[in-house]
Amino acid sequence: MYQTELNRMATEVGGFLAEGKRMYLSSSFQTHSIPLLHLMQRFAPEVPVYFLDTGFHFPETLKFKDEVANALGLKLISIRSKVPKLQQRDDQGNFYFSSDPDRCCFLNKTLPMEEVLLNHDLWISGVRRDQNLNRKNLNRLSSGNHGTLRYHPMLDWTAKMIYAYRKDHDLPEHPLEKKGYLSVGCEPCTSRYVDGREGRWQGMKKTECGLHTDLLKK
């Protein structure tokens, strides 16, 4: 059910390599992230994988990240914000994730990734149309900051295709998924999926990860 998408991705990635593009992949190491990591190891194992260590992740995510990286032989690079946590508080002394989550994402995700972008031509991420309304009208390839390109090879994959690929290749699931966490981000902003409510940013106006907010403007 996903073979057409595999062929398309193999052709596209092969073309980028032939053009000499400096590529990198970012991953949050959620369950649905694993097929893309597995595919990139098949098509371009030399491409580095960046993980944004915000300092607010679940311990389970950090352990799972290391286990997956070792199992797949990823060239994993963890990066953190240069802004100290003491400078990530509002006037009331609260961390921004509680009062201004977009600011928190900017400091811990967007800023660190800016430095990576300056040294690459193409950023690969696993965003999909079926994840939220924001991503429904995205393009497979779009312009990014600093003259880079954003490449979304999983854009037309569905949750069923992700599941099928994972099962066919015996790929693991995030340990928190069985506990009802279907979308796992930073611990303060993540809740279990209960009564049809999304598991991220419950009670907030925020609907998109700070790492991808630039895509909403295009």
C-alpha atoms as a PDB file:
ATOM      1  CA  MET A   1       0.000   0.000   0.000  1.00  0.00           C
ATOM      2  CA  TYR A   2       3.009   2.284   0.280  1.00  0.00           C
ATOM      3  CA  GLN A   3       5.233   1.004  -2.544  1.00  0.00           C
ATOM      4  CA  THR A   4       4.455   3.923  -4.875  1.00  0.00           C
ATOM      5  CA  GLU A   5       5.531   6.364  -2.174  1.00  0.00           C
ATOM      6  CA  LEU A   6       8.725   4.384  -1.555  1.00  0.00           C
ATOM      7  CA  ASN A   7       9.648   4.527  -5.227  1.00  0.00           C
ATOM      8  CA  ARG A   8       8.970   8.250  -5.399  1.00  0.00           C
ATOM      9  CA  MET A   9      11.078   8.943  -2.317  1.00  0.00           C
ATOM     10  CA  ALA A  10      13.962   6.803  -3.595  1.00  0.00           C
ATOM     11  CA  THR A  11      13.965   8.747  -6.876  1.00  0.00           C
ATOM     12  CA  GLU A  12      13.773  12.138  -5.174  1.00  0.00           C
ATOM     13  CA  VAL A  13      16.474  11.448  -2.608  1.00  0.00           C
ATOM     14  CA  GLY A  14      18.697   9.965  -5.306  1.00  0.00           C
ATOM     15  CA  GLY A  15      18.257  13.152  -7.310  1.00  0.00           C
ATOM     16  CA  PHE A  16      19.193  15.357  -4.370  1.00  0.00           C
ATOM     17  CA  LEU A  17      22.323  13.273  -3.771  1.00  0.00           C
ATOM     18  CA  ALA A  18      23.288  13.514  -7.448  1.00  0.00           C
ATOM     19  CA  GLU A  19      22.928  17.292  -7.237  1.00  0.00           C
ATOM     20  CA  GLY A  20      25.286  17.327  -4.262  1.00  0.00           C
ATOM     21  CA  LYS A  21      22.764  18.862  -1.894  1.00  0.00           C
ATOM     22  CA  ARG A  22      23.789  18.992   1.750  1.00  0.00           C
ATOM     23  CA  MET A  23      20.837  17.311   3.438  1.00  0.00           C
ATOM     24  CA  TYR A  24      19.792  16.647   6.993  1.00  0.00           C
ATOM     25  CA  LEU A  25      16.791  15.108   8.679  1.00  0.00           C
ATOM     26  CA  SER A  26      15.082  16.280  11.860  1.00  0.00           C
ATOM     27  CA  SER A  27      13.122  13.855  14.008  1.00  0.00           C
ATOM     28  CA  SER A  28      11.074  13.959  17.195  1.00  0.00           C
ATOM     29  CA  PHE A  29      11.390  10.162  17.576  1.00  0.00           C
ATOM     30  CA  GLN A  30       7.682   9.531  17.967  1.00  0.00           C
ATOM     31  CA  THR A  31       6.243   6.224  16.783  1.00  0.00           C
ATOM     32  CA  HIS A  32       5.220   7.691  13.424  1.00  0.00           C
ATOM     33  CA  SER A  33       8.741   9.116  12.977  1.00  0.00           C
ATOM     34  CA  ILE A  34      10.425   5.727  12.787  1.00  0.00           C
ATOM     35  CA  PRO A  35       9.481   4.716   9.193  1.00  0.00           C
ATOM     36  CA  LEU A  36      11.144   7.842   7.767  1.00  0.00           C
ATOM     37  CA  LEU A  37      14.296   7.176   9.793  1.00  0.00           C
ATOM     38  CA  HIS A  38      14.312   3.597   8.525  1.00  0.00           C
ATOM     39  CA  LEU A  39      13.805   4.719   4.917  1.00  0.00           C
ATOM     40  CA  MET A  40      16.578   7.301   5.046  1.00  0.00           C
ATOM     41  CA  GLN A  41      18.942   4.606   6.282  1.00  0.00           C
ATOM     42  CA  ARG A  42      18.012   2.634   3.168  1.00  0.00           C
ATOM     43  CA  PHE A  43      18.319   5.489   0.678  1.00  0.00           C
ATOM     44  CA  ALA A  44      20.940   7.828   2.203  1.00  0.00           C
ATOM     45  CA  PRO A  45      22.541   6.514   5.415  1.00  0.00           C
ATOM     46  CA  GLU A  46      25.122   9.296   5.383  1.00  0.00           C
ATOM     47  CA  VAL A  47      22.497  11.977   6.035  1.00  0.00           C
ATOM     48  CA  PRO A  48      22.685  13.224   9.656  1.00  0.00           C
ATOM     49  CA  VAL A  49      19.637  13.144  11.926  1.00  0.00           C
ATOM     50  CA  TYR A  50      19.128  16.099  14.259  1.00  0.00           C
ATOM     51  CA  PHE A  51      17.171  15.838  17.495  1.00  0.00           C
ATOM     52  CA  LEU A  52      16.174  19.031  19.296  1.00  0.00           C
ATOM     53  CA  ASP A  53      16.782  18.367  22.968  1.00  0.00           C
ATOM     54  CA  THR A  54      14.589  21.054  24.510  1.00  0.00           C
ATOM     55  CA  GLY A  55      15.325  20.032  28.072  1.00  0.00           C
ATOM     56  CA  PHE A  56      11.623  19.305  28.576  1.00  0.00           C
ATOM     57  CA  HIS A  57      11.294  15.873  26.957  1.00  0.00           C
ATOM     58  CA  PHE A  58       9.905  12.806  28.664  1.00  0.00           C
ATOM     59  CA  PRO A  59      12.691  10.496  29.932  1.00  0.00           C
ATOM     60  CA  GLU A  60      11.040   7.772  27.856  1.00  0.00           C
ATOM     61  CA  THR A  61      11.586   9.805  24.687  1.00  0.00           C
ATOM     62  CA  LEU A  62      15.286  10.303  25.384  1.00  0.00           C
ATOM     63  CA  LYS A  63      15.787   6.602  26.041  1.00  0.00           C
ATOM     64  CA  PHE A  64      13.749   5.611  22.982  1.00  0.00           C
ATOM     65  CA  LYS A  65      15.760   8.029  20.809  1.00  0.00           C
ATOM     66  CA  ASP A  66      19.034   6.398  21.800  1.00  0.00           C
ATOM     67  CA  GLU A  67      17.659   2.888  21.323  1.00  0.00           C
ATOM     68  CA  VAL A  68      16.347   3.658  17.824  1.00  0.00           C
ATOM     69  CA  ALA A  69      19.534   5.469  16.816  1.00  0.00           C
ATOM     70  CA  ASN A  70      21.644   2.502  17.868  1.00  0.00           C
ATOM     71  CA  ALA A  71      19.351  -0.053  16.234  1.00  0.00           C
ATOM     72  CA  LEU A  72      19.265   1.784  12.891  1.00  0.00           C
ATOM     73  CA  GLY A  73      22.840   3.049  12.955  1.00  0.00           C
ATOM     74  CA  LEU A  74      21.798   6.690  12.638  1.00  0.00           C
ATOM     75  CA  LYS A  75      24.224   9.592  12.491  1.00  0.00           C
ATOM     76  CA  LEU A  76      22.397  11.238  15.379  1.00  0.00           C
ATOM     77  CA  ILE A  77      23.190  14.771  16.534  1.00  0.00           C
ATOM     78  CA  SER A  78      21.407  16.295  19.536  1.00  0.00           C
ATOM     79  CA  ILE A  79      21.289  20.076  19.750  1.00  0.00           C
ATOM     80  CA  ARG A  80      20.080  22.415  22.496  1.00  0.00           C
ATOM     81  CA  SER A  81      19.228  26.080  22.806  1.00  0.00           C
ATOM     82  CA  LYS A  82      22.030  28.407  23.807  1.00  0.00           C
ATOM     83  CA  VAL A  83      19.525  30.410  25.856  1.00  0.00           C
ATOM     84  CA  PRO A  84      19.807  29.268  29.505  1.00  0.00           C
ATOM     85  CA  LYS A  85      16.630  28.019  31.156  1.00  0.00           C
ATOM     86  CA  LEU A  86      16.898  30.865  33.688  1.00  0.00           C
ATOM     87  CA  GLN A  87      16.254  33.255  30.777  1.00  0.00           C
ATOM     88  CA  GLN A  88      13.233  31.295  29.597  1.00  0.00           C
ATOM     89  CA  ARG A  89      10.798  32.627  32.198  1.00  0.00           C
ATOM     90  CA  ASP A  90       8.138  35.328  32.026  1.00  0.00           C
ATOM     91  CA  ASP A  91       7.695  38.299  34.379  1.00  0.00           C
ATOM     92  CA  GLN A  92       5.981  36.029  36.904  1.00  0.00           C
ATOM     93  CA  GLY A  93       8.894  33.628  36.951  1.00  0.00           C
ATOM     94  CA  ASN A  94       7.036  30.896  35.057  1.00  0.00           C
ATOM     95  CA  PHE A  95       8.600  28.998  32.193  1.00  0.00           C
ATOM     96  CA  TYR A  96       7.339  30.188  28.821  1.00  0.00           C
ATOM     97  CA  PHE A  97       5.770  26.809  28.071  1.00  0.00           C
ATOM     98  CA  SER A  98       3.002  27.722  30.529  1.00  0.00           C
ATOM     99  CA  SER A  99       2.381  31.318  29.443  1.00  0.00           C
ATOM    100  CA  ASP A 100       3.796  31.653  25.926  1.00  0.00           C
ATOM    101  CA  PRO A 101       4.410  28.224  24.344  1.00  0.00           C
ATOM    102  CA  ASP A 102       5.263  29.766  20.968  1.00  0.00           C
ATOM    103  CA  ARG A 103       8.092  31.674  22.638  1.00  0.00           C
ATOM    104  CA  CYS A 104       9.269  28.465  24.279  1.00  0.00           C
ATOM    105  CA  CYS A 105       9.304  26.685  20.908  1.00  0.00           C
ATOM    106  CA  PHE A 106      11.165  29.587  19.335  1.00  0.00           C
ATOM    107  CA  LEU A 107      13.920  29.485  21.940  1.00  0.00           C
ATOM    108  CA  ASN A 108      14.268  25.718  22.131  1.00  0.00           C
ATOM    109  CA  LYS A 109      13.489  24.605  18.592  1.00  0.00           C
ATOM    110  CA  THR A 110      13.573  27.390  16.014  1.00  0.00           C
ATOM    111  CA  LEU A 111      16.750  29.150  17.138  1.00  0.00           C
ATOM    112  CA  PRO A 112      18.900  26.002  17.458  1.00  0.00           C
ATOM    113  CA  MET A 113      17.716  24.814  14.049  1.00  0.00           C
ATOM    114  CA  GLU A 114      18.660  28.115  12.427  1.00  0.00           C
ATOM    115  CA  GLU A 115      22.351  27.306  12.888  1.00  0.00           C
ATOM    116  CA  VAL A 116      21.870  23.907  11.261  1.00  0.00           C
ATOM    117  CA  LEU A 117      20.081  25.466   8.282  1.00  0.00           C
ATOM    118  CA  LEU A 118      23.040  27.744   7.584  1.00  0.00           C
ATOM    119  CA  ASN A 119      25.194  24.687   6.846  1.00  0.00           C
ATOM    120  CA  HIS A 120      22.754  22.718   4.701  1.00  0.00           C
ATOM    121  CA  ASP A 121      20.766  23.030   1.491  1.00  0.00           C
ATOM    122  CA  LEU A 122      17.814  20.791   2.245  1.00  0.00           C
ATOM    123  CA  TRP A 123      15.876  19.980   5.424  1.00  0.00           C
ATOM    124  CA  ILE A 124      13.944  16.705   5.489  1.00  0.00           C
ATOM    125  CA  SER A 125      11.047  16.294   7.913  1.00  0.00           C
ATOM    126  CA  GLY A 126       8.230  13.796   8.307  1.00  0.00           C
ATOM    127  CA  VAL A 127       5.197  16.094   8.365  1.00  0.00           C
ATOM    128  CA  ARG A 128       2.014  14.618   6.865  1.00  0.00           C
ATOM    129  CA  ARG A 129      -1.228  16.090   5.537  1.00  0.00           C
ATOM    130  CA  ASP A 130      -3.373  13.926   7.795  1.00  0.00           C
ATOM    131  CA  GLN A 131      -1.744  15.171  11.024  1.00  0.00           C
ATOM    132  CA  ASN A 132      -3.584  18.492  11.286  1.00  0.00           C
ATOM    133  CA  LEU A 133      -5.379  21.105   9.186  1.00  0.00           C
ATOM    134  CA  ASN A 134      -2.280  23.311   9.093  1.00  0.00           C
ATOM    135  CA  ARG A 135      -0.415  20.752   7.018  1.00  0.00           C
ATOM    136  CA  LYS A 136      -3.222  19.786   4.655  1.00  0.00           C
ATOM    137  CA  ASN A 137      -2.161  22.192   1.886  1.00  0.00           C
ATOM    138  CA  LEU A 138       1.616  21.903   2.219  1.00  0.00           C
ATOM    139  CA  ASN A 139       3.814  21.103  -0.760  1.00  0.00           C
ATOM    140  CA  ARG A 140       6.179  18.161  -0.942  1.00  0.00           C
ATOM    141  CA  LEU A 141       9.025  20.598  -1.613  1.00  0.00           C
ATOM    142  CA  SER A 142       8.943  24.223  -0.502  1.00  0.00           C
ATOM    143  CA  SER A 143      11.317  27.105   0.112  1.00  0.00           C
ATOM    144  CA  GLY A 144      12.835  27.527   3.560  1.00  0.00           C
ATOM    145  CA  ASN A 145      14.889  30.075   5.433  1.00  0.00           C
ATOM    146  CA  HIS A 146      18.411  31.052   4.351  1.00  0.00           C
ATOM    147  CA  GLY A 147      17.857  29.839   0.795  1.00  0.00           C
ATOM    148  CA  THR A 148      17.228  26.253   1.847  1.00  0.00           C
ATOM    149  CA  LEU A 149      14.552  23.817   0.737  1.00  0.00           C
ATOM    150  CA  ARG A 150      12.034  21.974   2.930  1.00  0.00           C
ATOM    151  CA  TYR A 151      11.397  18.399   1.774  1.00  0.00           C
ATOM    152  CA  HIS A 152       8.426  16.395   3.080  1.00  0.00           C
ATOM    153  CA  PRO A 153       8.690  12.854   1.698  1.00  0.00           C
ATOM    154  CA  MET A 154       5.961  11.491   4.007  1.00  0.00           C
ATOM    155  CA  LEU A 155       3.441  14.197   3.157  1.00  0.00           C
ATOM    156  CA  ASP A 156       0.966  11.882   1.407  1.00  0.00           C
ATOM    157  CA  TRP A 157       1.397   8.934   3.732  1.00  0.00           C
ATOM    158  CA  THR A 158      -1.537   8.095   5.988  1.00  0.00           C
ATOM    159  CA  ALA A 159      -1.554   6.763   9.525  1.00  0.00           C
ATOM    160  CA  LYS A 160      -2.524   3.356   8.093  1.00  0.00           C
ATOM    161  CA  MET A 161       0.480   3.371   5.761  1.00  0.00           C
ATOM    162  CA  ILE A 162       2.792   4.321   8.627  1.00  0.00           C
ATOM    163  CA  TYR A 163       1.382   1.487  10.719  1.00  0.00           C
ATOM    164  CA  ALA A 164       1.685  -1.025   7.879  1.00  0.00           C
ATOM    165  CA  TYR A 165       5.292  -0.089   7.143  1.00  0.00           C
ATOM    166  CA  ARG A 166       6.191  -0.311  10.836  1.00  0.00           C
ATOM    167  CA  LYS A 167       4.643  -3.755  11.140  1.00  0.00           C
ATOM    168  CA  ASP A 168       6.189  -5.023   7.901  1.00  0.00           C
ATOM    169  CA  HIS A 169       9.662  -4.028   9.106  1.00  0.00           C
ATOM    170  CA  ASP A 170       9.177  -4.797  12.805  1.00  0.00           C
ATOM    171  CA  LEU A 171       9.860  -1.216  13.872  1.00  0.00           C
ATOM    172  CA  PRO A 172       9.260  -0.205  17.518  1.00  0.00           C
ATOM    173  CA  GLU A 173       6.682   2.151  18.960  1.00  0.00           C
ATOM    174  CA  HIS A 174       7.264   4.913  21.480  1.00  0.00           C
ATOM    175  CA  PRO A 175       6.838   3.445  25.005  1.00  0.00           C
ATOM    176  CA  LEU A 176       4.281   6.107  25.967  1.00  0.00           C
ATOM    177  CA  GLU A 177       1.897   5.248  23.140  1.00  0.00           C
ATOM    178  CA  LYS A 178       0.398   2.305  25.017  1.00  0.00           C
ATOM    179  CA  LYS A 179      -0.346   4.709  27.865  1.00  0.00           C
ATOM    180  CA  GLY A 180      -2.507   6.900  25.640  1.00  0.00           C
ATOM    181  CA  TYR A 181       0.069   9.424  24.422  1.00  0.00           C
ATOM    182  CA  LEU A 182      -0.566   9.390  20.674  1.00  0.00           C
ATOM    183  CA  SER A 183       1.357  12.597  19.991  1.00  0.00           C
ATOM    184  CA  VAL A 184       4.449  12.978  22.159  1.00  0.00           C
ATOM    185  CA  GLY A 185       6.284  16.271  22.432  1.00  0.00           C
ATOM    186  CA  CYS A 186       7.721  18.097  25.415  1.00  0.00           C
ATOM    187  CA  GLU A 187       6.361  16.793  28.702  1.00  0.00           C
ATOM    188  CA  PRO A 188       4.714  20.062  29.921  1.00  0.00           C
ATOM    189  CA  CYS A 189       2.749  20.427  26.654  1.00  0.00           C
ATOM    190  CA  THR A 190       1.732  16.796  26.141  1.00  0.00           C
ATOM    191  CA  SER A 191      -1.318  15.022  27.537  1.00  0.00           C
ATOM    192  CA  ARG A 192      -2.944  11.659  26.985  1.00  0.00           C
ATOM    193  CA  TYR A 193      -5.515  11.446  24.212  1.00  0.00           C
ATOM    194  CA  VAL A 194      -8.776  11.525  26.177  1.00  0.00           C
ATOM    195  CA  ASP A 195     -12.390  11.841  24.979  1.00  0.00           C
ATOM    196  CA  GLY A 196     -11.368  12.871  21.473  1.00  0.00           C
ATOM    197  CA  ARG A 197      -9.144  15.720  22.614  1.00  0.00           C
ATOM    198  CA  GLU A 198      -5.745  16.121  21.005  1.00  0.00           C
ATOM    199  CA  GLY A 199      -2.744  15.187  23.106  1.00  0.00           C
ATOM    200  CA  ARG A 200      -0.746  18.360  22.497  1.00  0.00           C
ATOM    201  CA  TRP A 201      -1.275  21.897  23.845  1.00  0.00           C
ATOM    202  CA  GLN A 202      -4.667  21.170  25.397  1.00  0.00           C
ATOM    203  CA  GLY A 203      -6.411  24.355  26.498  1.00  0.00           C
ATOM    204  CA  MET A 204      -4.090  26.535  24.401  1.00  0.00           C
ATOM    205  CA  LYS A 205      -4.526  28.336  21.086  1.00  0.00           C
ATOM    206  CA  LYS A 206      -1.363  26.725  19.794  1.00  0.00           C
ATOM    207  CA  THR A 207      -1.897  24.077  17.088  1.00  0.00           C
ATOM    208  CA  GLU A 208       1.482  23.665  15.394  1.00  0.00           C
ATOM    209  CA  CYS A 209       4.949  22.683  16.566  1.00  0.00           C
ATOM    210  CA  GLY A 210       7.225  25.726  16.637  1.00  0.00           C
ATOM    211  CA  LEU A 211       9.654  23.954  14.359  1.00  0.00           C
ATOM    212  CA  HIS A 212       7.174  24.116  11.477  1.00  0.00           C
ATOM    213  CA  THR A 213       5.320  27.398  12.024  1.00  0.00           C
ATOM    214  CA  ASP A 214       7.186  28.985   9.116  1.00  0.00           C
ATOM    215  CA  LEU A 215       5.359  26.607   6.777  1.00  0.00           C
ATOM    216  CA  LEU A 216       2.042  28.195   7.714  1.00  0.00           C
ATOM    217  CA  LYS A 217       3.157  31.484   6.193  1.00  0.00           C
ATOM    218  CA  LYS A 218       3.911  30.011   2.777  1.00  0.00           C
END
